[in-house]
Structure formats: C-alpha cells, structure tokens
C-alpha cells in the first residue's frame, strides 16, 4: 500500500481530535473513509457510524456496516481512546476499567471483526498507542497499562496475520485534546511532563505508516519521540531517572499540592 487513492479506510474514534483530522487527511489523499464513534455524527465530511466499541455485541455489526459501505477494507486505524487519572497505588475503579475497555479491548474486538476483509485485501492495521506505552508516568497507571497492553496485542497479532496484513503501532506524545480534561481537573496536568506536539504531526505519522512499502513495526511521531522510545527500551534505568527527576521538580514547585490523588506520593517524598 504505497498510495491512498481509492483505499477503503475505517477509523475508530472518528469524531475526536485525531479522528477528525485523520479522516480529513485521508480523504484529501483520495481514500474512502468511514468512521466509528460512540455517537452517530452526520456533520462530518465522511460518514461516522454510532457504535459503543465497549459493547461486544455491537462491534461486529458496526464493522460489517462500515465495510459494506466501503465495498471492502484496506486499512483499519484503531484510534479511539480515553484517558484519566489513575494512581497505581489505589485499587482499580471505574476510570481504570473504562480505559482498559476503550484503549485495549475495543481495539481488540474491532480488529477481530475487521480481519476477514483485511485478509482478503491484504490490508493494514494501525494502532494509535502512546509514548506512555514505553515511558510510563506516575498517577496515570491505567493509561500506560492499557497502551502497553495494546502494543503487546499488536505484536501478537503481527505474528499471527503478518504474512497477509501489515501491523503498525504509532506512538504520539501529548496533543491538546479533551482526553486530558479529566486529568487536569484532578490537578494532575501534564504541564512540564510531556512536551506538546501538533496533531498534524500525529496524522502525518499515521499516513506514513499507511503508505510505507512495508508496514513499519513502530512509528514515533517526532525525533524527540524516537529518542525517548530508544532510551525507554534500551536504557530503562536511565528512563526511570529521567521521570524521577521531572517528578521531583514538579513536587518541589508545588504543582501537585492541590491534587488529592497525589497525596500519598507527596507525603512519601516530603517525609524522606
């Protein structure tokens, strides 16, 4: 797949920040696009079908409907995702459950439903993960766990279907979008922790993965991202020190003083 003209593409989370920009870019490149999102949206430039991706009974029918509209399927982009604060020291709650459902299991069941037409077309699957899949941050355990598990799923899938379907994972860092709202409301802003990057760069990385002669295994969205991923994978102790240094600076500046979910960590750091 070295071009997108006439390619049939299904995008999940199609009404979100990445989804809208990605759908527009795919259409501009000549692709046919159908989206899936929690709610039906008739205002977008491409059809977005309503589907709760956490409902195992709803996903196969929605994917079938999308494939019927497209007349087949060449590319699936698993883009749907949710975030939220979730300290690792606290028991998992509904916030944790939702992130695992949307970020991991929804992508798994969507991919499983889409595989028959993808195998027929010898198409591709792209998973939108996160830099936190390889460089986890404190107080956001559910997001990091769900995205790391998504990468593990992609790796297993590649072994099973990689002879016929290309499997790629894209690793964005922080992009301004509503996904961060609940974290900011909890006093756990990513300011000073993750360097923001433009949504256009993430979209460009997804398009590179879609059009490369061979489906790339892992795709960073920036040069800094490539460096961070290399450090996290090949020098994990150094990556840990980087995170601890950043965290210490935030604690010293009082950035987390008003965050109840960080209370335990604050006590331990200040009581040493």
C-alpha atoms as a PDB file:
ATOM      1  CA  UNK A   1       0.000   0.000   0.000  1.00  0.00           C
ATOM      2  CA  UNK A   2       2.141   2.890  -1.269  1.00  0.00           C
ATOM      3  CA  UNK A   3      -0.741   5.258  -2.003  1.00  0.00           C
ATOM      4  CA  UNK A   4      -4.164   6.049  -0.589  1.00  0.00           C
ATOM      5  CA  UNK A   5      -6.159   6.866  -3.701  1.00  0.00           C
ATOM      6  CA  UNK A   6      -9.227   4.655  -3.693  1.00  0.00           C
ATOM      7  CA  UNK A   7      -8.213   2.854  -0.493  1.00  0.00           C
ATOM      8  CA  UNK A   8     -11.049   1.873   1.830  1.00  0.00           C
ATOM      9  CA  UNK A   9     -10.373   3.017   5.397  1.00  0.00           C
ATOM     10  CA  UNK A  10     -12.164   2.543   8.711  1.00  0.00           C
ATOM     11  CA  UNK A  11     -11.218   4.904  11.580  1.00  0.00           C
ATOM     12  CA  UNK A  12     -12.374   4.449  15.176  1.00  0.00           C
ATOM     13  CA  UNK A  13     -12.813   7.452  17.445  1.00  0.00           C
ATOM     14  CA  UNK A  14     -13.578   9.323  14.239  1.00  0.00           C
ATOM     15  CA  UNK A  15     -15.256  12.326  15.870  1.00  0.00           C
ATOM     16  CA  UNK A  16     -12.379  13.066  18.256  1.00  0.00           C
ATOM     17  CA  UNK A  17      -9.399  15.357  17.756  1.00  0.00           C
ATOM     18  CA  UNK A  18      -7.191  12.823  15.954  1.00  0.00           C
ATOM     19  CA  UNK A  19     -10.122  11.183  14.183  1.00  0.00           C
ATOM     20  CA  UNK A  20     -11.456  14.347  12.557  1.00  0.00           C
ATOM     21  CA  UNK A  21      -8.054  15.485  11.341  1.00  0.00           C
ATOM     22  CA  UNK A  22      -7.095  11.999  10.205  1.00  0.00           C
ATOM     23  CA  UNK A  23     -10.342  11.485   8.303  1.00  0.00           C
ATOM     24  CA  UNK A  24      -9.887  14.800   6.504  1.00  0.00           C
ATOM     25  CA  UNK A  25      -6.273  13.972   5.607  1.00  0.00           C
ATOM     26  CA  UNK A  26      -7.213  10.517   4.327  1.00  0.00           C
ATOM     27  CA  UNK A  27      -9.967  11.963   2.148  1.00  0.00           C
ATOM     28  CA  UNK A  28      -7.609  14.644   0.841  1.00  0.00           C
ATOM     29  CA  UNK A  29      -5.226  11.825  -0.149  1.00  0.00           C
ATOM     30  CA  UNK A  30      -8.006  10.143  -2.152  1.00  0.00           C
ATOM     31  CA  UNK A  31      -9.147   7.479   0.324  1.00  0.00           C
ATOM     32  CA  UNK A  32     -12.725   6.446   1.052  1.00  0.00           C
ATOM     33  CA  UNK A  33     -13.341   6.825   4.786  1.00  0.00           C
ATOM     34  CA  UNK A  34     -15.981   5.601   7.200  1.00  0.00           C
ATOM     35  CA  UNK A  35     -15.694   6.287  10.918  1.00  0.00           C
ATOM     36  CA  UNK A  36     -16.937   4.664  14.101  1.00  0.00           C
ATOM     37  CA  UNK A  37     -17.607   6.691  17.222  1.00  0.00           C
ATOM     38  CA  UNK A  38     -19.747   6.454  20.330  1.00  0.00           C
ATOM     39  CA  UNK A  39     -22.400   8.643  18.739  1.00  0.00           C
ATOM     40  CA  UNK A  40     -23.650   8.890  15.185  1.00  0.00           C
ATOM     41  CA  UNK A  41     -22.351  12.083  13.553  1.00  0.00           C
ATOM     42  CA  UNK A  42     -23.897  13.371  10.344  1.00  0.00           C
ATOM     43  CA  UNK A  43     -21.960  16.660  10.305  1.00  0.00           C
ATOM     44  CA  UNK A  44     -18.538  15.302   9.347  1.00  0.00           C
ATOM     45  CA  UNK A  45     -17.231  15.230   5.790  1.00  0.00           C
ATOM     46  CA  UNK A  46     -17.245  11.440   5.956  1.00  0.00           C
ATOM     47  CA  UNK A  47     -19.870   9.122   7.465  1.00  0.00           C
ATOM     48  CA  UNK A  48     -19.412   8.329  11.155  1.00  0.00           C
ATOM     49  CA  UNK A  49     -21.478   5.406  12.398  1.00  0.00           C
ATOM     50  CA  UNK A  50     -22.588   5.297  16.016  1.00  0.00           C
ATOM     51  CA  UNK A  51     -21.172   2.347  17.956  1.00  0.00           C
ATOM     52  CA  UNK A  52     -20.197   1.678  21.556  1.00  0.00           C
ATOM     53  CA  UNK A  53     -16.886  -0.112  20.999  1.00  0.00           C
ATOM     54  CA  UNK A  54     -17.018  -1.495  24.532  1.00  0.00           C
ATOM     55  CA  UNK A  55     -20.159  -3.489  23.629  1.00  0.00           C
ATOM     56  CA  UNK A  56     -19.052  -6.885  22.268  1.00  0.00           C
ATOM     57  CA  UNK A  57     -22.431  -7.411  20.615  1.00  0.00           C
ATOM     58  CA  UNK A  58     -22.445  -4.058  18.787  1.00  0.00           C
ATOM     59  CA  UNK A  59     -18.975  -4.033  17.225  1.00  0.00           C
ATOM     60  CA  UNK A  60     -19.254  -6.834  14.617  1.00  0.00           C
ATOM     61  CA  UNK A  61     -22.453  -5.351  13.172  1.00  0.00           C
ATOM     62  CA  UNK A  62     -20.994  -1.836  13.035  1.00  0.00           C
ATOM     63  CA  UNK A  63     -17.802  -3.025  11.357  1.00  0.00           C
ATOM     64  CA  UNK A  64     -19.840  -5.072   8.885  1.00  0.00           C
ATOM     65  CA  UNK A  65     -21.962  -1.993   8.078  1.00  0.00           C
ATOM     66  CA  UNK A  66     -18.840   0.133   7.547  1.00  0.00           C
ATOM     67  CA  UNK A  67     -17.216  -2.481   5.299  1.00  0.00           C
ATOM     68  CA  UNK A  68     -20.425  -2.785   3.272  1.00  0.00           C
ATOM     69  CA  UNK A  69     -20.463   0.987   2.724  1.00  0.00           C
ATOM     70  CA  UNK A  70     -16.816   0.951   1.671  1.00  0.00           C
ATOM     71  CA  UNK A  71     -17.116  -2.131  -0.516  1.00  0.00           C
ATOM     72  CA  UNK A  72     -14.232  -3.825   1.317  1.00  0.00           C
ATOM     73  CA  UNK A  73     -11.470  -2.766   3.673  1.00  0.00           C
ATOM     74  CA  UNK A  74      -7.819  -1.900   3.064  1.00  0.00           C
ATOM     75  CA  UNK A  75      -6.911  -0.095   6.289  1.00  0.00           C
ATOM     76  CA  UNK A  76      -8.174  -0.056   9.869  1.00  0.00           C
ATOM     77  CA  UNK A  77      -6.947   2.709  12.188  1.00  0.00           C
ATOM     78  CA  UNK A  78      -7.645   1.918  15.843  1.00  0.00           C
ATOM     79  CA  UNK A  79      -7.635   5.477  17.109  1.00  0.00           C
ATOM     80  CA  UNK A  80     -10.366   5.512  19.790  1.00  0.00           C
ATOM     81  CA  UNK A  81      -9.036   6.180  23.273  1.00  0.00           C
ATOM     82  CA  UNK A  82      -9.804   7.707  26.659  1.00  0.00           C
ATOM     83  CA  UNK A  83      -7.606   8.982  29.477  1.00  0.00           C
ATOM     84  CA  UNK A  84      -7.926   9.950  33.100  1.00  0.00           C
ATOM     85  CA  UNK A  85      -6.020   9.941  36.383  1.00  0.00           C
ATOM     86  CA  UNK A  86      -5.373   6.544  37.973  1.00  0.00           C
ATOM     87  CA  UNK A  87      -2.655   6.181  40.629  1.00  0.00           C
ATOM     88  CA  UNK A  88      -1.122   2.714  40.660  1.00  0.00           C
ATOM     89  CA  UNK A  89      -1.234   2.566  44.473  1.00  0.00           C
ATOM     90  CA  UNK A  90      -5.043   2.784  44.569  1.00  0.00           C
ATOM     91  CA  UNK A  91      -7.386  -0.113  43.719  1.00  0.00           C
ATOM     92  CA  UNK A  92      -8.762  -0.097  40.164  1.00  0.00           C
ATOM     93  CA  UNK A  93     -12.062   1.728  39.808  1.00  0.00           C
ATOM     94  CA  UNK A  94     -14.466   2.533  37.003  1.00  0.00           C
ATOM     95  CA  UNK A  95     -11.998   5.015  35.473  1.00  0.00           C
ATOM     96  CA  UNK A  96      -9.423   2.232  35.190  1.00  0.00           C
ATOM     97  CA  UNK A  97     -11.980  -0.208  33.821  1.00  0.00           C
ATOM     98  CA  UNK A  98     -13.114   2.263  31.149  1.00  0.00           C
ATOM     99  CA  UNK A  99      -9.561   2.910  29.956  1.00  0.00           C
ATOM    100  CA  UNK A 100      -8.826  -0.794  29.661  1.00  0.00           C
ATOM    101  CA  UNK A 101     -12.116  -1.344  27.835  1.00  0.00           C
ATOM    102  CA  UNK A 102     -11.715   1.505  25.332  1.00  0.00           C
ATOM    103  CA  UNK A 103      -7.956   1.605  24.848  1.00  0.00           C
ATOM    104  CA  UNK A 104      -7.342  -2.146  24.701  1.00  0.00           C
ATOM    105  CA  UNK A 105     -10.409  -4.370  24.423  1.00  0.00           C
ATOM    106  CA  UNK A 106     -12.320  -2.129  21.990  1.00  0.00           C
ATOM    107  CA  UNK A 107      -9.344  -2.128  19.616  1.00  0.00           C
ATOM    108  CA  UNK A 108      -9.031  -5.899  20.010  1.00  0.00           C
ATOM    109  CA  UNK A 109     -12.666  -6.637  19.184  1.00  0.00           C
ATOM    110  CA  UNK A 110     -12.757  -4.086  16.335  1.00  0.00           C
ATOM    111  CA  UNK A 111      -9.657  -5.627  14.793  1.00  0.00           C
ATOM    112  CA  UNK A 112     -11.058  -9.145  15.133  1.00  0.00           C
ATOM    113  CA  UNK A 113     -14.268  -8.076  13.381  1.00  0.00           C
ATOM    114  CA  UNK A 114     -12.328  -6.349  10.586  1.00  0.00           C
ATOM    115  CA  UNK A 115      -9.767  -9.081   9.924  1.00  0.00           C
ATOM    116  CA  UNK A 116     -11.715 -11.131   7.320  1.00  0.00           C
ATOM    117  CA  UNK A 117     -11.975  -8.237   4.808  1.00  0.00           C
ATOM    118  CA  UNK A 118      -8.456  -7.053   5.687  1.00  0.00           C
ATOM    119  CA  UNK A 119      -7.066 -10.513   4.966  1.00  0.00           C
ATOM    120  CA  UNK A 120      -8.900 -10.584   1.645  1.00  0.00           C
ATOM    121  CA  UNK A 121      -7.435  -7.201   0.669  1.00  0.00           C
ATOM    122  CA  UNK A 122      -4.014  -7.888   2.229  1.00  0.00           C
ATOM    123  CA  UNK A 123      -4.515  -4.621   4.053  1.00  0.00           C
ATOM    124  CA  UNK A 124      -3.122  -2.997   7.166  1.00  0.00           C
ATOM    125  CA  UNK A 125      -3.980  -2.260  10.794  1.00  0.00           C
ATOM    126  CA  UNK A 126      -2.590   0.781  12.590  1.00  0.00           C
ATOM    127  CA  UNK A 127      -2.865   1.135  16.363  1.00  0.00           C
ATOM    128  CA  UNK A 128      -2.575   4.599  17.897  1.00  0.00           C
ATOM    129  CA  UNK A 129      -0.806   3.902  21.195  1.00  0.00           C
ATOM    130  CA  UNK A 130       1.102   6.478  23.237  1.00  0.00           C
ATOM    131  CA  UNK A 131       4.642   7.313  24.259  1.00  0.00           C
ATOM    132  CA  UNK A 132       3.447   6.236  27.715  1.00  0.00           C
ATOM    133  CA  UNK A 133       3.324   2.657  26.443  1.00  0.00           C
ATOM    134  CA  UNK A 134       7.125   2.620  26.715  1.00  0.00           C
ATOM    135  CA  UNK A 135       7.739   5.553  29.079  1.00  0.00           C
ATOM    136  CA  UNK A 136       5.052   5.315  31.806  1.00  0.00           C
ATOM    137  CA  UNK A 137       4.311   8.224  34.126  1.00  0.00           C
ATOM    138  CA  UNK A 138       3.110   8.208  37.746  1.00  0.00           C
ATOM    139  CA  UNK A 139      -0.559   8.860  38.567  1.00  0.00           C
ATOM    140  CA  UNK A 140      -1.662   7.681  35.107  1.00  0.00           C
ATOM    141  CA  UNK A 141      -1.222   3.939  35.534  1.00  0.00           C
ATOM    142  CA  UNK A 142      -4.376   2.870  33.699  1.00  0.00           C
ATOM    143  CA  UNK A 143      -3.484   4.791  30.554  1.00  0.00           C
ATOM    144  CA  UNK A 144       0.083   3.488  30.465  1.00  0.00           C
ATOM    145  CA  UNK A 145      -1.011  -0.080  31.217  1.00  0.00           C
ATOM    146  CA  UNK A 146      -3.756  -0.039  28.580  1.00  0.00           C
ATOM    147  CA  UNK A 147      -1.449   1.360  25.906  1.00  0.00           C
ATOM    148  CA  UNK A 148       1.392  -1.017  26.738  1.00  0.00           C
ATOM    149  CA  UNK A 149      -1.078  -3.898  26.563  1.00  0.00           C
ATOM    150  CA  UNK A 150      -2.291  -2.565  23.206  1.00  0.00           C
ATOM    151  CA  UNK A 151       1.280  -2.784  21.898  1.00  0.00           C
ATOM    152  CA  UNK A 152       1.545  -6.365  23.190  1.00  0.00           C
ATOM    153  CA  UNK A 153      -1.687  -7.202  21.366  1.00  0.00           C
ATOM    154  CA  UNK A 154      -0.336  -5.664  18.152  1.00  0.00           C
ATOM    155  CA  UNK A 155       2.868  -7.697  18.493  1.00  0.00           C
ATOM    156  CA  UNK A 156       0.921 -10.943  18.923  1.00  0.00           C
ATOM    157  CA  UNK A 157      -1.360 -10.070  16.018  1.00  0.00           C
ATOM    158  CA  UNK A 158       1.653  -9.412  13.796  1.00  0.00           C
ATOM    159  CA  UNK A 159       2.924 -12.925  14.451  1.00  0.00           C
ATOM    160  CA  UNK A 160      -0.462 -14.413  13.579  1.00  0.00           C
ATOM    161  CA  UNK A 161      -1.508 -12.433  10.484  1.00  0.00           C
ATOM    162  CA  UNK A 162       1.633 -10.565   9.461  1.00  0.00           C
ATOM    163  CA  UNK A 163       2.079 -12.675   6.334  1.00  0.00           C
ATOM    164  CA  UNK A 164      -1.114 -11.120   4.934  1.00  0.00           C
ATOM    165  CA  UNK A 165      -1.892  -7.978   6.974  1.00  0.00           C
ATOM    166  CA  UNK A 166       0.581  -5.264   7.934  1.00  0.00           C
ATOM    167  CA  UNK A 167       0.505  -4.265  11.614  1.00  0.00           C
ATOM    168  CA  UNK A 168       1.925  -0.927  12.815  1.00  0.00           C
ATOM    169  CA  UNK A 169       1.874   0.997  16.093  1.00  0.00           C
ATOM    170  CA  UNK A 170       2.121   4.803  16.264  1.00  0.00           C
ATOM    171  CA  UNK A 171       3.328   6.478  19.483  1.00  0.00           C
ATOM    172  CA  UNK A 172       2.151  10.094  19.947  1.00  0.00           C
ATOM    173  CA  UNK A 173       3.119  12.181  22.930  1.00  0.00           C
ATOM    174  CA  UNK A 174       0.799  14.867  24.341  1.00  0.00           C
ATOM    175  CA  UNK A 175      -1.588  16.563  21.907  1.00  0.00           C
ATOM    176  CA  UNK A 176      -4.027  19.205  23.130  1.00  0.00           C
ATOM    177  CA  UNK A 177      -7.428  17.485  23.182  1.00  0.00           C
ATOM    178  CA  UNK A 178     -10.344  16.783  25.545  1.00  0.00           C
ATOM    179  CA  UNK A 179      -8.729  13.453  26.505  1.00  0.00           C
ATOM    180  CA  UNK A 180      -6.654  15.390  29.069  1.00  0.00           C
ATOM    181  CA  UNK A 181      -9.570  17.304  30.634  1.00  0.00           C
ATOM    182  CA  UNK A 182     -10.267  14.871  33.487  1.00  0.00           C
ATOM    183  CA  UNK A 183      -6.577  14.698  34.372  1.00  0.00           C
ATOM    184  CA  UNK A 184      -6.307  18.490  34.504  1.00  0.00           C
ATOM    185  CA  UNK A 185      -9.491  18.718  36.608  1.00  0.00           C
ATOM    186  CA  UNK A 186      -7.891  16.357  39.134  1.00  0.00           C
ATOM    187  CA  UNK A 187      -4.924  18.732  39.451  1.00  0.00           C
ATOM    188  CA  UNK A 188      -2.644  16.373  37.546  1.00  0.00           C
ATOM    189  CA  UNK A 189      -1.859  18.408  34.465  1.00  0.00           C
ATOM    190  CA  UNK A 190       0.845  17.056  32.163  1.00  0.00           C
ATOM    191  CA  UNK A 191       2.417  20.528  32.030  1.00  0.00           C
ATOM    192  CA  UNK A 192       6.167  20.157  32.347  1.00  0.00           C
ATOM    193  CA  UNK A 193       5.979  16.362  31.967  1.00  0.00           C
ATOM    194  CA  UNK A 194       5.114  15.757  28.319  1.00  0.00           C
ATOM    195  CA  UNK A 195       6.135  18.126  25.559  1.00  0.00           C
ATOM    196  CA  UNK A 196       3.081  19.032  23.447  1.00  0.00           C
ATOM    197  CA  UNK A 197       3.141  18.190  19.761  1.00  0.00           C
ATOM    198  CA  UNK A 198       0.821  19.255  16.936  1.00  0.00           C
ATOM    199  CA  UNK A 199      -1.994  16.975  15.843  1.00  0.00           C
ATOM    200  CA  UNK A 200      -0.822  17.341  12.239  1.00  0.00           C
ATOM    201  CA  UNK A 201       2.413  15.558  13.139  1.00  0.00           C
ATOM    202  CA  UNK A 202       0.485  12.602  14.545  1.00  0.00           C
ATOM    203  CA  UNK A 203      -1.692  12.431  11.438  1.00  0.00           C
ATOM    204  CA  UNK A 204       1.401  12.578   9.222  1.00  0.00           C
ATOM    205  CA  UNK A 205       2.948   9.675  11.139  1.00  0.00           C
ATOM    206  CA  UNK A 206      -0.209   7.589  10.661  1.00  0.00           C
ATOM    207  CA  UNK A 207      -0.204   8.344   6.939  1.00  0.00           C
ATOM    208  CA  UNK A 208       3.486   7.353   6.711  1.00  0.00           C
ATOM    209  CA  UNK A 209       2.675   4.042   8.346  1.00  0.00           C
ATOM    210  CA  UNK A 210      -0.248   3.539   5.980  1.00  0.00           C
ATOM    211  CA  UNK A 211       1.696   4.237   2.792  1.00  0.00           C
ATOM    212  CA  UNK A 212       5.152   2.776   3.507  1.00  0.00           C
ATOM    213  CA  UNK A 213       6.131  -0.014   1.125  1.00  0.00           C
ATOM    214  CA  UNK A 214       6.388  -2.366   4.112  1.00  0.00           C
ATOM    215  CA  UNK A 215       4.247  -1.786   7.176  1.00  0.00           C
ATOM    216  CA  UNK A 216       6.625  -0.344   9.820  1.00  0.00           C
ATOM    217  CA  UNK A 217       6.552  -2.027  13.221  1.00  0.00           C
ATOM    218  CA  UNK A 218       6.818   1.092  15.435  1.00  0.00           C
ATOM    219  CA  UNK A 219       6.394   4.719  14.377  1.00  0.00           C
ATOM    220  CA  UNK A 220       7.398   7.695  16.525  1.00  0.00           C
ATOM    221  CA  UNK A 221       5.713  10.989  15.721  1.00  0.00           C
ATOM    222  CA  UNK A 222       8.732  13.246  16.387  1.00  0.00           C
ATOM    223  CA  UNK A 223      12.518  12.988  16.555  1.00  0.00           C
ATOM    224  CA  UNK A 224      12.322  13.535  20.309  1.00  0.00           C
ATOM    225  CA  UNK A 225       9.823  10.698  20.441  1.00  0.00           C
ATOM    226  CA  UNK A 226      12.257   8.358  18.674  1.00  0.00           C
ATOM    227  CA  UNK A 227      14.934   9.271  21.215  1.00  0.00           C
ATOM    228  CA  UNK A 228      12.615   8.746  24.201  1.00  0.00           C
ATOM    229  CA  UNK A 229      11.464   5.381  22.863  1.00  0.00           C
ATOM    230  CA  UNK A 230      15.067   4.273  22.308  1.00  0.00           C
ATOM    231  CA  UNK A 231      16.063   5.286  25.835  1.00  0.00           C
ATOM    232  CA  UNK A 232      12.994   3.581  27.357  1.00  0.00           C
ATOM    233  CA  UNK A 233      13.709   0.319  25.536  1.00  0.00           C
ATOM    234  CA  UNK A 234      17.481   0.134  25.673  1.00  0.00           C
ATOM    235  CA  UNK A 235      18.303   2.067  28.861  1.00  0.00           C
ATOM    236  CA  UNK A 236      15.268   1.654  31.148  1.00  0.00           C
ATOM    237  CA  UNK A 237      17.202   2.677  34.285  1.00  0.00           C
ATOM    238  CA  UNK A 238      18.097   5.964  32.592  1.00  0.00           C
ATOM    239  CA  UNK A 239      14.453   6.442  31.583  1.00  0.00           C
ATOM    240  CA  UNK A 240      13.403   5.902  35.210  1.00  0.00           C
ATOM    241  CA  UNK A 241      15.870   8.544  36.375  1.00  0.00           C
ATOM    242  CA  UNK A 242      14.511  10.992  33.808  1.00  0.00           C
ATOM    243  CA  UNK A 243      10.956  10.501  35.071  1.00  0.00           C
ATOM    244  CA  UNK A 244      12.011  10.745  38.723  1.00  0.00           C
ATOM    245  CA  UNK A 245      13.911  13.969  38.075  1.00  0.00           C
ATOM    246  CA  UNK A 246      10.920  15.520  36.312  1.00  0.00           C
ATOM    247  CA  UNK A 247       8.598  14.392  39.094  1.00  0.00           C
ATOM    248  CA  UNK A 248      10.895  15.784  41.799  1.00  0.00           C
ATOM    249  CA  UNK A 249      10.921  19.161  40.059  1.00  0.00           C
ATOM    250  CA  UNK A 250       7.112  19.229  39.913  1.00  0.00           C
ATOM    251  CA  UNK A 251       6.802  18.267  43.569  1.00  0.00           C
ATOM    252  CA  UNK A 252       9.316  20.931  44.603  1.00  0.00           C
ATOM    253  CA  UNK A 253       7.386  23.527  42.617  1.00  0.00           C
ATOM    254  CA  UNK A 254       4.134  22.561  44.363  1.00  0.00           C
ATOM    255  CA  UNK A 255       2.456  21.573  41.096  1.00  0.00           C
ATOM    256  CA  UNK A 256       0.678  18.619  42.742  1.00  0.00           C
ATOM    257  CA  UNK A 257      -0.175  20.165  46.112  1.00  0.00           C
ATOM    258  CA  UNK A 258      -3.858  20.550  45.236  1.00  0.00           C
ATOM    259  CA  UNK A 259      -4.244  17.063  43.774  1.00  0.00           C
ATOM    260  CA  UNK A 260      -5.875  14.646  46.261  1.00  0.00           C
ATOM    261  CA  UNK A 261      -4.833  11.636  44.178  1.00  0.00           C
ATOM    262  CA  UNK A 262      -1.190  12.616  44.643  1.00  0.00           C
ATOM    263  CA  UNK A 263      -1.443  12.960  48.447  1.00  0.00           C
ATOM    264  CA  UNK A 264       0.271   9.648  49.203  1.00  0.00           C
ATOM    265  CA  UNK A 265       3.151  10.356  46.867  1.00  0.00           C
ATOM    266  CA  UNK A 266       3.554  13.857  48.308  1.00  0.00           C
ATOM    267  CA  UNK A 267       3.759  12.512  51.866  1.00  0.00           C
ATOM    268  CA  UNK A 268       6.362   9.923  50.920  1.00  0.00           C
ATOM    269  CA  UNK A 269       8.558  12.337  49.003  1.00  0.00           C
ATOM    270  CA  UNK A 270       8.452  15.023  51.668  1.00  0.00           C
ATOM    271  CA  UNK A 271       8.871  12.563  54.526  1.00  0.00           C
ATOM    272  CA  UNK A 272      12.113  11.046  53.284  1.00  0.00           C
END
